Amino acid sequence: TLLFTLFAFFGVYDVKTLVSIFLSSYVIFIVTSLLDTPAVYIARRIH
């Protein structure tokens, strides 16, 4: 999240927007990481 926000958007958006993108992106990744755990268990069962 940190590297992509800086590389992709630095100079495109102001610092406030960059911070917002970073924080919101990481919050989403926290949620998706926790939610994808059941999917990994299901995949292991399939395997």
All heavy atoms as atom14 arrays in JSON, in Angstrom:
{
  "sequence": "TLLFTLFAFFGVYDVKTLVSIFLSSYVIFIVTSLLDTPAVYIARRIH",
  "atom14_mask": [
    [1, 1, 1, 1, 1, 1, 1, 0, 0, 0, 0, 0, 0, 0],
    [1, 1, 1, 1, 1, 1, 1, 1, 0, 0, 0, 0, 0, 0],
    [1, 1, 1, 1, 1, 1, 1, 1, 0, 0, 0, 0, 0, 0],
    [1, 1, 1, 1, 1, 1, 1, 1, 1, 1, 1, 0, 0, 0],
    [1, 1, 1, 1, 1, 1, 1, 0, 0, 0, 0, 0, 0, 0],
    [1, 1, 1, 1, 1, 1, 1, 1, 0, 0, 0, 0, 0, 0],
    [1, 1, 1, 1, 1, 1, 1, 1, 1, 1, 1, 0, 0, 0],
    [1, 1, 1, 1, 1, 0, 0, 0, 0, 0, 0, 0, 0, 0],
    [1, 1, 1, 1, 1, 1, 1, 1, 1, 1, 1, 0, 0, 0],
    [1, 1, 1, 1, 1, 1, 1, 1, 1, 1, 1, 0, 0, 0],
    [1, 1, 1, 1, 0, 0, 0, 0, 0, 0, 0, 0, 0, 0],
    [1, 1, 1, 1, 1, 1, 1, 0, 0, 0, 0, 0, 0, 0],
    [1, 1, 1, 1, 1, 1, 1, 1, 1, 1, 1, 1, 0, 0],
    [1, 1, 1, 1, 1, 1, 1, 1, 0, 0, 0, 0, 0, 0],
    [1, 1, 1, 1, 1, 1, 1, 0, 0, 0, 0, 0, 0, 0],
    [1, 1, 1, 1, 1, 1, 1, 1, 1, 0, 0, 0, 0, 0],
    [1, 1, 1, 1, 1, 1, 1, 0, 0, 0, 0, 0, 0, 0],
    [1, 1, 1, 1, 1, 1, 1, 1, 0, 0, 0, 0, 0, 0],
    [1, 1, 1, 1, 1, 1, 1, 0, 0, 0, 0, 0, 0, 0],
    [1, 1, 1, 1, 1, 1, 0, 0, 0, 0, 0, 0, 0, 0],
    [1, 1, 1, 1, 1, 1, 1, 1, 0, 0, 0, 0, 0, 0],
    [1, 1, 1, 1, 1, 1, 1, 1, 1, 1, 1, 0, 0, 0],
    [1, 1, 1, 1, 1, 1, 1, 1, 0, 0, 0, 0, 0, 0],
    [1, 1, 1, 1, 1, 1, 0, 0, 0, 0, 0, 0, 0, 0],
    [1, 1, 1, 1, 1, 1, 0, 0, 0, 0, 0, 0, 0, 0],
    [1, 1, 1, 1, 1, 1, 1, 1, 1, 1, 1, 1, 0, 0],
    [1, 1, 1, 1, 1, 1, 1, 0, 0, 0, 0, 0, 0, 0],
    [1, 1, 1, 1, 1, 1, 1, 1, 0, 0, 0, 0, 0, 0],
    [1, 1, 1, 1, 1, 1, 1, 1, 1, 1, 1, 0, 0, 0],
    [1, 1, 1, 1, 1, 1, 1, 1, 0, 0, 0, 0, 0, 0],
    [1, 1, 1, 1, 1, 1, 1, 0, 0, 0, 0, 0, 0, 0],
    [1, 1, 1, 1, 1, 1, 1, 0, 0, 0, 0, 0, 0, 0],
    [1, 1, 1, 1, 1, 1, 0, 0, 0, 0, 0, 0, 0, 0],
    [1, 1, 1, 1, 1, 1, 1, 1, 0, 0, 0, 0, 0, 0],
    [1, 1, 1, 1, 1, 1, 1, 1, 0, 0, 0, 0, 0, 0],
    [1, 1, 1, 1, 1, 1, 1, 1, 0, 0, 0, 0, 0, 0],
    [1, 1, 1, 1, 1, 1, 1, 0, 0, 0, 0, 0, 0, 0],
    [1, 1, 1, 1, 1, 1, 1, 0, 0, 0, 0, 0, 0, 0],
    [1, 1, 1, 1, 1, 0, 0, 0, 0, 0, 0, 0, 0, 0],
    [1, 1, 1, 1, 1, 1, 1, 0, 0, 0, 0, 0, 0, 0],
    [1, 1, 1, 1, 1, 1, 1, 1, 1, 1, 1, 1, 0, 0],
    [1, 1, 1, 1, 1, 1, 1, 1, 0, 0, 0, 0, 0, 0],
    [1, 1, 1, 1, 1, 0, 0, 0, 0, 0, 0, 0, 0, 0],
    [1, 1, 1, 1, 1, 1, 1, 1, 1, 1, 1, 0, 0, 0],
    [1, 1, 1, 1, 1, 1, 1, 1, 1, 1, 1, 0, 0, 0],
    [1, 1, 1, 1, 1, 1, 1, 1, 0, 0, 0, 0, 0, 0],
    [1, 1, 1, 1, 1, 1, 1, 1, 1, 1, 0, 0, 0, 0]
  ],
  "atom14_positions": [
    [[0.82, -1.21, 0.0], [0.0, 0.0, 0.0], [0.85, 1.26, 0.0], [0.58, 2.21, -0.75], [-0.93, 0.01, 1.23], [-1.67, -1.21, 1.27], [-1.9, 1.18, 1.16], [0.0, 0.0, 0.0], [0.0, 0.0, 0.0], [0.0, 0.0, 0.0], [0.0, 0.0, 0.0], [0.0, 0.0, 0.0], [0.0, 0.0, 0.0], [0.0, 0.0, 0.0]],
    [[1.88, 1.28, 0.82], [2.74, 2.45, 0.91], [3.47, 2.72, -0.4], [3.45, 3.84, -0.93], [3.76, 2.27, 2.04], [4.78, 3.41, 2.22], [4.08, 4.72, 2.56], [5.79, 3.05, 3.3], [0.0, 0.0, 0.0], [0.0, 0.0, 0.0], [0.0, 0.0, 0.0], [0.0, 0.0, 0.0], [0.0, 0.0, 0.0], [0.0, 0.0, 0.0]],
    [[4.1, 1.68, -0.95], [4.87, 1.85, -2.18], [3.98, 2.22, -3.36], [4.32, 3.11, -4.15], [5.65, 0.57, -2.49], [6.8, 0.23, -1.53], [7.46, -1.08, -1.95], [7.82, 1.35, -1.48], [0.0, 0.0, 0.0], [0.0, 0.0, 0.0], [0.0, 0.0, 0.0], [0.0, 0.0, 0.0], [0.0, 0.0, 0.0], [0.0, 0.0, 0.0]],
    [[2.83, 1.56, -3.48], [1.97, 1.84, -4.63], [1.39, 3.26, -4.55], [1.31, 3.96, -5.55], [0.82, 0.83, -4.72], [-0.05, 1.04, -5.94], [0.39, 0.64, -7.19], [-1.28, 1.68, -5.83], [-0.38, 0.85, -8.32], [-2.06, 1.89, -6.96], [-1.61, 1.48, -8.21], [0.0, 0.0, 0.0], [0.0, 0.0, 0.0], [0.0, 0.0, 0.0]],
    [[0.98, 3.68, -3.36], [0.44, 5.03, -3.2], [1.46, 6.08, -3.6], [1.14, 7.04, -4.31], [-0.01, 5.26, -1.74], [-1.01, 4.29, -1.39], [-0.62, 6.66, -1.58], [0.0, 0.0, 0.0], [0.0, 0.0, 0.0], [0.0, 0.0, 0.0], [0.0, 0.0, 0.0], [0.0, 0.0, 0.0], [0.0, 0.0, 0.0], [0.0, 0.0, 0.0]],
    [[2.7, 5.89, -3.18], [3.75, 6.86, -3.51], [4.12, 6.82, -4.99], [4.21, 7.86, -5.65], [4.99, 6.59, -2.65], [4.86, 6.9, -1.16], [6.13, 6.5, -0.42], [4.55, 8.37, -0.92], [0.0, 0.0, 0.0], [0.0, 0.0, 0.0], [0.0, 0.0, 0.0], [0.0, 0.0, 0.0], [0.0, 0.0, 0.0], [0.0, 0.0, 0.0]],
    [[4.35, 5.62, -5.52], [4.8, 5.51, -6.91], [3.72, 5.92, -7.9], [4.0, 6.56, -8.92], [5.24, 4.07, -7.21], [6.53, 3.67, -6.55], [6.97, 2.35, -6.58], [7.3, 4.6, -5.89], [8.16, 1.98, -5.97], [8.49, 4.25, -5.27], [8.92, 2.93, -5.31], [0.0, 0.0, 0.0], [0.0, 0.0, 0.0], [0.0, 0.0, 0.0]],
    [[2.48, 5.57, -7.62], [1.41, 5.79, -8.59], [0.79, 7.18, -8.5], [0.37, 7.74, -9.52], [0.31, 4.73, -8.41], [0.0, 0.0, 0.0], [0.0, 0.0, 0.0], [0.0, 0.0, 0.0], [0.0, 0.0, 0.0], [0.0, 0.0, 0.0], [0.0, 0.0, 0.0], [0.0, 0.0, 0.0], [0.0, 0.0, 0.0], [0.0, 0.0, 0.0]],
    [[0.74, 7.75, -7.3], [-0.06, 8.97, -7.14], [0.72, 10.18, -6.62], [0.15, 11.26, -6.52], [-1.23, 8.68, -6.18], [-2.15, 7.61, -6.68], [-2.38, 6.45, -5.93], [-2.79, 7.73, -7.9], [-3.23, 5.46, -6.39], [-3.65, 6.74, -8.36], [-3.87, 5.61, -7.61], [0.0, 0.0, 0.0], [0.0, 0.0, 0.0], [0.0, 0.0, 0.0]],
    [[2.01, 10.02, -6.29], [2.77, 11.18, -5.79], [2.89, 12.22, -6.91], [3.32, 11.91, -8.02], [4.16, 10.76, -5.33], [4.95, 11.87, -4.68], [4.67, 12.24, -3.38], [5.92, 12.55, -5.39], [5.39, 13.27, -2.77], [6.63, 13.58, -4.8], [6.36, 13.94, -3.49], [0.0, 0.0, 0.0], [0.0, 0.0, 0.0], [0.0, 0.0, 0.0]],
    [[2.5, 13.44, -6.61], [2.52, 14.49, -7.61], [1.22, 14.62, -8.37], [0.98, 15.62, -9.05], [0.0, 0.0, 0.0], [0.0, 0.0, 0.0], [0.0, 0.0, 0.0], [0.0, 0.0, 0.0], [0.0, 0.0, 0.0], [0.0, 0.0, 0.0], [0.0, 0.0, 0.0], [0.0, 0.0, 0.0], [0.0, 0.0, 0.0], [0.0, 0.0, 0.0]],
    [[0.39, 13.57, -8.29], [-0.93, 13.61, -8.94], [-1.96, 14.18, -7.98], [-2.81, 14.99, -8.37], [-1.35, 12.19, -9.4], [-2.75, 12.22, -10.03], [-0.33, 11.63, -10.38], [0.0, 0.0, 0.0], [0.0, 0.0, 0.0], [0.0, 0.0, 0.0], [0.0, 0.0, 0.0], [0.0, 0.0, 0.0], [0.0, 0.0, 0.0], [0.0, 0.0, 0.0]],
    [[-1.9, 13.75, -6.73], [-2.81, 14.24, -5.69], [-2.01, 14.93, -4.59], [-0.8, 14.71, -4.45], [-3.61, 13.08, -5.09], [-4.45, 12.32, -6.09], [-4.14, 11.0, -6.42], [-5.54, 12.92, -6.72], [-4.9, 10.3, -7.35], [-6.3, 12.23, -7.65], [-5.98, 10.92, -7.96], [-6.73, 10.25, -8.88], [0.0, 0.0, 0.0], [0.0, 0.0, 0.0]],
    [[-2.71, 15.76, -3.8], [-2.04, 16.43, -2.69], [-1.77, 15.43, -1.55], [-2.26, 14.3, -1.57], [-2.86, 17.62, -2.19], [-4.28, 17.23, -1.75], [-4.47, 16.11, -1.26], [-5.19, 18.06, -1.91], [0.0, 0.0, 0.0], [0.0, 0.0, 0.0], [0.0, 0.0, 0.0], [0.0, 0.0, 0.0], [0.0, 0.0, 0.0], [0.0, 0.0, 0.0]],
    [[-0.98, 15.87, -0.57], [-0.55, 14.98, 0.51], [-1.75, 14.44, 1.29], [-1.79, 13.26, 1.67], [0.41, 15.71, 1.46], [0.75, 14.83, 2.67], [1.69, 16.11, 0.74], [0.0, 0.0, 0.0], [0.0, 0.0, 0.0], [0.0, 0.0, 0.0], [0.0, 0.0, 0.0], [0.0, 0.0, 0.0], [0.0, 0.0, 0.0], [0.0, 0.0, 0.0]],
    [[-2.74, 15.29, 1.53], [-3.93, 14.86, 2.27], [-4.63, 13.72, 1.56], [-5.04, 12.73, 2.19], [-4.89, 16.04, 2.44], [-6.13, 15.7, 3.24], [-7.05, 16.91, 3.39], [-8.31, 16.54, 4.17], [-9.23, 17.71, 4.31], [0.0, 0.0, 0.0], [0.0, 0.0, 0.0], [0.0, 0.0, 0.0], [0.0, 0.0, 0.0], [0.0, 0.0, 0.0]],
    [[-4.75, 13.82, 0.24], [-5.39, 12.75, -0.54], [-4.54, 11.49, -0.53], [-5.06, 10.38, -0.42], [-5.65, 13.21, -1.99], [-6.46, 14.38, -1.98], [-6.35, 12.12, -2.79], [0.0, 0.0, 0.0], [0.0, 0.0, 0.0], [0.0, 0.0, 0.0], [0.0, 0.0, 0.0], [0.0, 0.0, 0.0], [0.0, 0.0, 0.0], [0.0, 0.0, 0.0]],
    [[-3.22, 11.65, -0.62], [-2.32, 10.49, -0.58], [-2.45, 9.73, 0.74], [-2.52, 8.5, 0.75], [-0.87, 10.94, -0.76], [-0.46, 11.45, -2.14], [0.98, 11.93, -2.12], [-0.64, 10.38, -3.21], [0.0, 0.0, 0.0], [0.0, 0.0, 0.0], [0.0, 0.0, 0.0], [0.0, 0.0, 0.0], [0.0, 0.0, 0.0], [0.0, 0.0, 0.0]],
    [[-2.5, 10.48, 1.83], [-2.66, 9.85, 3.14], [-4.0, 9.14, 3.22], [-4.11, 8.01, 3.74], [-2.54, 10.89, 4.27], [-2.9, 10.27, 5.62], [-1.14, 11.47, 4.32], [0.0, 0.0, 0.0], [0.0, 0.0, 0.0], [0.0, 0.0, 0.0], [0.0, 0.0, 0.0], [0.0, 0.0, 0.0], [0.0, 0.0, 0.0], [0.0, 0.0, 0.0]],
    [[-5.04, 9.79, 2.68], [-6.38, 9.18, 2.68], [-6.4, 7.89, 1.87], [-6.98, 6.89, 2.3], [-7.4, 10.18, 2.11], [-8.68, 9.59, 2.02], [0.0, 0.0, 0.0], [0.0, 0.0, 0.0], [0.0, 0.0, 0.0], [0.0, 0.0, 0.0], [0.0, 0.0, 0.0], [0.0, 0.0, 0.0], [0.0, 0.0, 0.0], [0.0, 0.0, 0.0]],
    [[-5.74, 7.91, 0.7], [-5.69, 6.72, -0.15], [-4.94, 5.6, 0.57], [-5.37, 4.44, 0.57], [-5.01, 7.04, -1.5], [-5.91, 7.95, -2.34], [-4.72, 5.75, -2.28], [-5.24, 8.46, -3.6], [0.0, 0.0, 0.0], [0.0, 0.0, 0.0], [0.0, 0.0, 0.0], [0.0, 0.0, 0.0], [0.0, 0.0, 0.0], [0.0, 0.0, 0.0]],
    [[-3.8, 5.94, 1.2], [-3.01, 4.93, 1.91], [-3.8, 4.31, 3.05], [-3.88, 3.08, 3.17], [-1.72, 5.55, 2.46], [-0.99, 4.64, 3.41], [-0.24, 3.58, 2.93], [-1.07, 4.82, 4.78], [0.42, 2.72, 3.8], [-0.41, 3.97, 5.66], [0.33, 2.92, 5.17], [0.0, 0.0, 0.0], [0.0, 0.0, 0.0], [0.0, 0.0, 0.0]],
    [[-4.38, 5.15, 3.89], [-5.1, 4.63, 5.07], [-6.32, 3.82, 4.67], [-6.56, 2.73, 5.19], [-5.52, 5.8, 5.97], [-4.37, 6.54, 6.68], [-4.91, 7.72, 7.47], [-3.59, 5.6, 7.59], [0.0, 0.0, 0.0], [0.0, 0.0, 0.0], [0.0, 0.0, 0.0], [0.0, 0.0, 0.0], [0.0, 0.0, 0.0], [0.0, 0.0, 0.0]],
    [[-7.09, 4.35, 3.71], [-8.3, 3.63, 3.29], [-7.94, 2.32, 2.62], [-8.6, 1.3, 2.82], [-9.15, 4.49, 2.37], [-8.45, 4.83, 1.18], [0.0, 0.0, 0.0], [0.0, 0.0, 0.0], [0.0, 0.0, 0.0], [0.0, 0.0, 0.0], [0.0, 0.0, 0.0], [0.0, 0.0, 0.0], [0.0, 0.0, 0.0], [0.0, 0.0, 0.0]],
    [[-6.87, 2.35, 1.81], [-6.45, 1.12, 1.12], [-6.03, 0.06, 2.12], [-6.38, -1.12, 2.0], [-5.3, 1.42, 0.15], [-5.71, 2.29, -0.88], [0.0, 0.0, 0.0], [0.0, 0.0, 0.0], [0.0, 0.0, 0.0], [0.0, 0.0, 0.0], [0.0, 0.0, 0.0], [0.0, 0.0, 0.0], [0.0, 0.0, 0.0], [0.0, 0.0, 0.0]],
    [[-5.25, 0.48, 3.13], [-4.79, -0.51, 4.1], [-5.92, -1.03, 4.97], [-5.95, -2.22, 5.3], [-3.67, 0.04, 4.98], [-3.05, -1.06, 5.81], [-2.42, -2.14, 5.2], [-3.14, -1.05, 7.2], [-1.87, -3.17, 5.95], [-2.6, -2.08, 7.95], [-1.97, -3.13, 7.33], [-1.45, -4.17, 8.06], [0.0, 0.0, 0.0], [0.0, 0.0, 0.0]],
    [[-6.87, -0.16, 5.32], [-8.05, -0.62, 6.07], [-8.79, -1.68, 5.26], [-9.21, -2.72, 5.8], [-8.98, 0.55, 6.41], [-10.33, 0.04, 6.91], [-8.34, 1.45, 7.47], [0.0, 0.0, 0.0], [0.0, 0.0, 0.0], [0.0, 0.0, 0.0], [0.0, 0.0, 0.0], [0.0, 0.0, 0.0], [0.0, 0.0, 0.0], [0.0, 0.0, 0.0]],
    [[-8.95, -1.42, 3.97], [-9.63, -2.39, 3.11], [-8.84, -3.69, 3.05], [-9.41, -4.79, 3.1], [-9.81, -1.81, 1.69], [-10.84, -0.68, 1.73], [-10.27, -2.89, 0.71], [-10.93, 0.11, 0.46], [0.0, 0.0, 0.0], [0.0, 0.0, 0.0], [0.0, 0.0, 0.0], [0.0, 0.0, 0.0], [0.0, 0.0, 0.0], [0.0, 0.0, 0.0]],
    [[-7.52, -3.59, 2.96], [-6.71, -4.8, 2.91], [-6.77, -5.59, 4.22], [-6.69, -6.82, 4.22], [-5.26, -4.45, 2.56], [-5.05, -4.09, 1.12], [-4.26, -3.01, 0.77], [-5.65, -4.83, 0.11], [-4.06, -2.68, -0.56], [-5.45, -4.51, -1.22], [-4.66, -3.42, -1.56], [0.0, 0.0, 0.0], [0.0, 0.0, 0.0], [0.0, 0.0, 0.0]],
    [[-6.9, -4.89, 5.34], [-7.08, -5.58, 6.61], [-8.38, -6.39, 6.58], [-8.41, -7.57, 6.94], [-7.11, -4.58, 7.79], [-5.73, -3.97, 8.01], [-7.58, -5.27, 9.08], [-5.7, -2.87, 9.05], [0.0, 0.0, 0.0], [0.0, 0.0, 0.0], [0.0, 0.0, 0.0], [0.0, 0.0, 0.0], [0.0, 0.0, 0.0], [0.0, 0.0, 0.0]],
    [[-9.44, -5.73, 6.13], [-10.75, -6.39, 6.06], [-10.73, -7.56, 5.09], [-11.17, -8.67, 5.41], [-11.86, -5.39, 5.65], [-13.19, -6.11, 5.42], [-12.01, -4.3, 6.71], [0.0, 0.0, 0.0], [0.0, 0.0, 0.0], [0.0, 0.0, 0.0], [0.0, 0.0, 0.0], [0.0, 0.0, 0.0], [0.0, 0.0, 0.0], [0.0, 0.0, 0.0]],
    [[-10.17, -7.33, 3.89], [-10.15, -8.4, 2.88], [-9.25, -9.55, 3.31], [-9.53, -10.71, 3.02], [-9.68, -7.86, 1.52], [-8.41, -7.19, 1.65], [-10.7, -6.89, 0.94], [0.0, 0.0, 0.0], [0.0, 0.0, 0.0], [0.0, 0.0, 0.0], [0.0, 0.0, 0.0], [0.0, 0.0, 0.0], [0.0, 0.0, 0.0], [0.0, 0.0, 0.0]],
    [[-8.15, -9.23, 4.02], [-7.27, -10.29, 4.51], [-8.0, -11.19, 5.5], [-7.89, -12.42, 5.45], [-6.03, -9.68, 5.15], [-5.21, -10.68, 5.71], [0.0, 0.0, 0.0], [0.0, 0.0, 0.0], [0.0, 0.0, 0.0], [0.0, 0.0, 0.0], [0.0, 0.0, 0.0], [0.0, 0.0, 0.0], [0.0, 0.0, 0.0], [0.0, 0.0, 0.0]],
    [[-8.74, -10.56, 6.42], [-9.48, -11.34, 7.41], [-10.61, -12.14, 6.75], [-10.87, -13.29, 7.12], [-10.06, -10.41, 8.47], [-9.02, -9.66, 9.34], [-9.72, -8.68, 10.27], [-8.18, -10.65, 10.15], [0.0, 0.0, 0.0], [0.0, 0.0, 0.0], [0.0, 0.0, 0.0], [0.0, 0.0, 0.0], [0.0, 0.0, 0.0], [0.0, 0.0, 0.0]],
    [[-11.24, -11.53, 5.75], [-12.35, -12.21, 5.08], [-11.89, -13.3, 4.12], [-12.66, -14.22, 3.82], [-13.2, -11.19, 4.32], [-14.0, -10.2, 5.17], [-14.77, -9.22, 4.29], [-14.98, -10.93, 6.09], [0.0, 0.0, 0.0], [0.0, 0.0, 0.0], [0.0, 0.0, 0.0], [0.0, 0.0, 0.0], [0.0, 0.0, 0.0], [0.0, 0.0, 0.0]],
    [[-10.64, -13.22, 3.63], [-10.2, -14.25, 2.69], [-9.72, -15.52, 3.39], [-9.48, -16.54, 2.74], [-9.13, -13.71, 1.73], [-7.72, -13.63, 2.32], [-7.49, -14.09, 3.44], [-6.84, -13.07, 1.64], [0.0, 0.0, 0.0], [0.0, 0.0, 0.0], [0.0, 0.0, 0.0], [0.0, 0.0, 0.0], [0.0, 0.0, 0.0], [0.0, 0.0, 0.0]],
    [[-9.58, -15.46, 4.72], [-9.14, -16.65, 5.46], [-10.07, -17.84, 5.28], [-9.59, -18.95, 5.01], [-8.96, -16.32, 6.96], [-8.04, -15.23, 7.1], [-8.44, -17.52, 7.72], [0.0, 0.0, 0.0], [0.0, 0.0, 0.0], [0.0, 0.0, 0.0], [0.0, 0.0, 0.0], [0.0, 0.0, 0.0], [0.0, 0.0, 0.0], [0.0, 0.0, 0.0]],
    [[-11.4, -17.66, 5.38], [-12.29, -18.81, 5.11], [-12.11, -19.36, 3.7], [-12.22, -20.57, 3.48], [-13.69, -18.21, 5.29], [-13.5, -17.06, 6.21], [-12.17, -16.49, 5.85], [0.0, 0.0, 0.0], [0.0, 0.0, 0.0], [0.0, 0.0, 0.0], [0.0, 0.0, 0.0], [0.0, 0.0, 0.0], [0.0, 0.0, 0.0], [0.0, 0.0, 0.0]],
    [[-11.79, -18.46, 2.74], [-11.6, -18.91, 1.36], [-10.38, -19.82, 1.25], [-10.39, -20.81, 0.51], [-11.44, -17.7, 0.43], [0.0, 0.0, 0.0], [0.0, 0.0, 0.0], [0.0, 0.0, 0.0], [0.0, 0.0, 0.0], [0.0, 0.0, 0.0], [0.0, 0.0, 0.0], [0.0, 0.0, 0.0], [0.0, 0.0, 0.0], [0.0, 0.0, 0.0]],
    [[-9.32, -19.51, 2.0], [-8.12, -20.36, 1.98], [-8.43, -21.72, 2.61], [-7.98, -22.77, 2.12], [-6.95, -19.68, 2.71], [-5.7, -20.57, 2.65], [-6.63, -18.32, 2.1], [0.0, 0.0, 0.0], [0.0, 0.0, 0.0], [0.0, 0.0, 0.0], [0.0, 0.0, 0.0], [0.0, 0.0, 0.0], [0.0, 0.0, 0.0], [0.0, 0.0, 0.0]],
    [[-9.22, -21.74, 3.69], [-9.63, -23.0, 4.31], [-10.46, -23.84, 3.33], [-10.27, -25.06, 3.23], [-10.45, -22.74, 5.58], [-9.6, -22.54, 6.82], [-9.29, -21.26, 7.27], [-9.12, -23.62, 7.55], [-8.51, -21.06, 8.41], [-8.35, -23.44, 8.68], [-8.05, -22.16, 9.11], [-7.27, -21.98, 10.23], [0.0, 0.0, 0.0], [0.0, 0.0, 0.0]],
    [[-11.38, -23.19, 2.61], [-12.2, -23.9, 1.63], [-11.32, -24.47, 0.52], [-11.49, -25.62, 0.1], [-13.27, -22.95, 1.04], [-14.28, -22.56, 2.12], [-13.99, -23.62, -0.14], [-15.24, -21.46, 1.69], [0.0, 0.0, 0.0], [0.0, 0.0, 0.0], [0.0, 0.0, 0.0], [0.0, 0.0, 0.0], [0.0, 0.0, 0.0], [0.0, 0.0, 0.0]],
    [[-10.36, -23.66, 0.06], [-9.46, -24.12, -1.0], [-8.63, -25.32, -0.54], [-8.42, -26.28, -1.29], [-8.55, -22.98, -1.43], [0.0, 0.0, 0.0], [0.0, 0.0, 0.0], [0.0, 0.0, 0.0], [0.0, 0.0, 0.0], [0.0, 0.0, 0.0], [0.0, 0.0, 0.0], [0.0, 0.0, 0.0], [0.0, 0.0, 0.0], [0.0, 0.0, 0.0]],
    [[-8.18, -25.28, 0.71], [-7.4, -26.41, 1.23], [-8.26, -27.67, 1.3], [-7.79, -28.77, 0.99], [-6.82, -26.1, 2.6], [-5.86, -27.18, 3.1], [-5.18, -26.82, 4.39], [-6.1, -26.79, 5.52], [-5.71, -26.57, 6.78], [-4.44, -26.34, 7.06], [-6.59, -26.56, 7.76], [0.0, 0.0, 0.0], [0.0, 0.0, 0.0], [0.0, 0.0, 0.0]],
    [[-9.51, -27.51, 1.68], [-10.42, -28.66, 1.72], [-10.64, -29.23, 0.31], [-10.68, -30.45, 0.12], [-11.76, -28.24, 2.33], [-12.75, -29.39, 2.5], [-13.98, -28.95, 3.26], [-14.93, -30.03, 3.41], [-14.86, -30.98, 4.31], [-13.86, -30.99, 5.18], [-15.78, -31.92, 4.39], [0.0, 0.0, 0.0], [0.0, 0.0, 0.0], [0.0, 0.0, 0.0]],
    [[-10.8, -28.35, -0.67], [-10.94, -28.78, -2.06], [-9.7, -29.56, -2.48], [-9.8, -30.62, -3.11], [-11.15, -27.57, -2.98], [-12.52, -26.94, -2.74], [-11.01, -27.97, -4.47], [-12.72, -25.61, -3.44], [0.0, 0.0, 0.0], [0.0, 0.0, 0.0], [0.0, 0.0, 0.0], [0.0, 0.0, 0.0], [0.0, 0.0, 0.0], [0.0, 0.0, 0.0]],
    [[-8.54, -29.04, -2.13], [-7.28, -29.7, -2.49], [-7.15, -31.07, -1.84], [-6.78, -32.05, -2.49], [-6.1, -28.81, -2.06], [-4.77, -29.46, -2.21], [-4.17, -29.66, -3.44], [-3.89, -29.95, -1.28], [-3.0, -30.25, -3.25], [-2.81, -30.43, -1.96], [0.0, 0.0, 0.0], [0.0, 0.0, 0.0], [0.0, 0.0, 0.0], [0.0, 0.0, 0.0]]
  ]
}
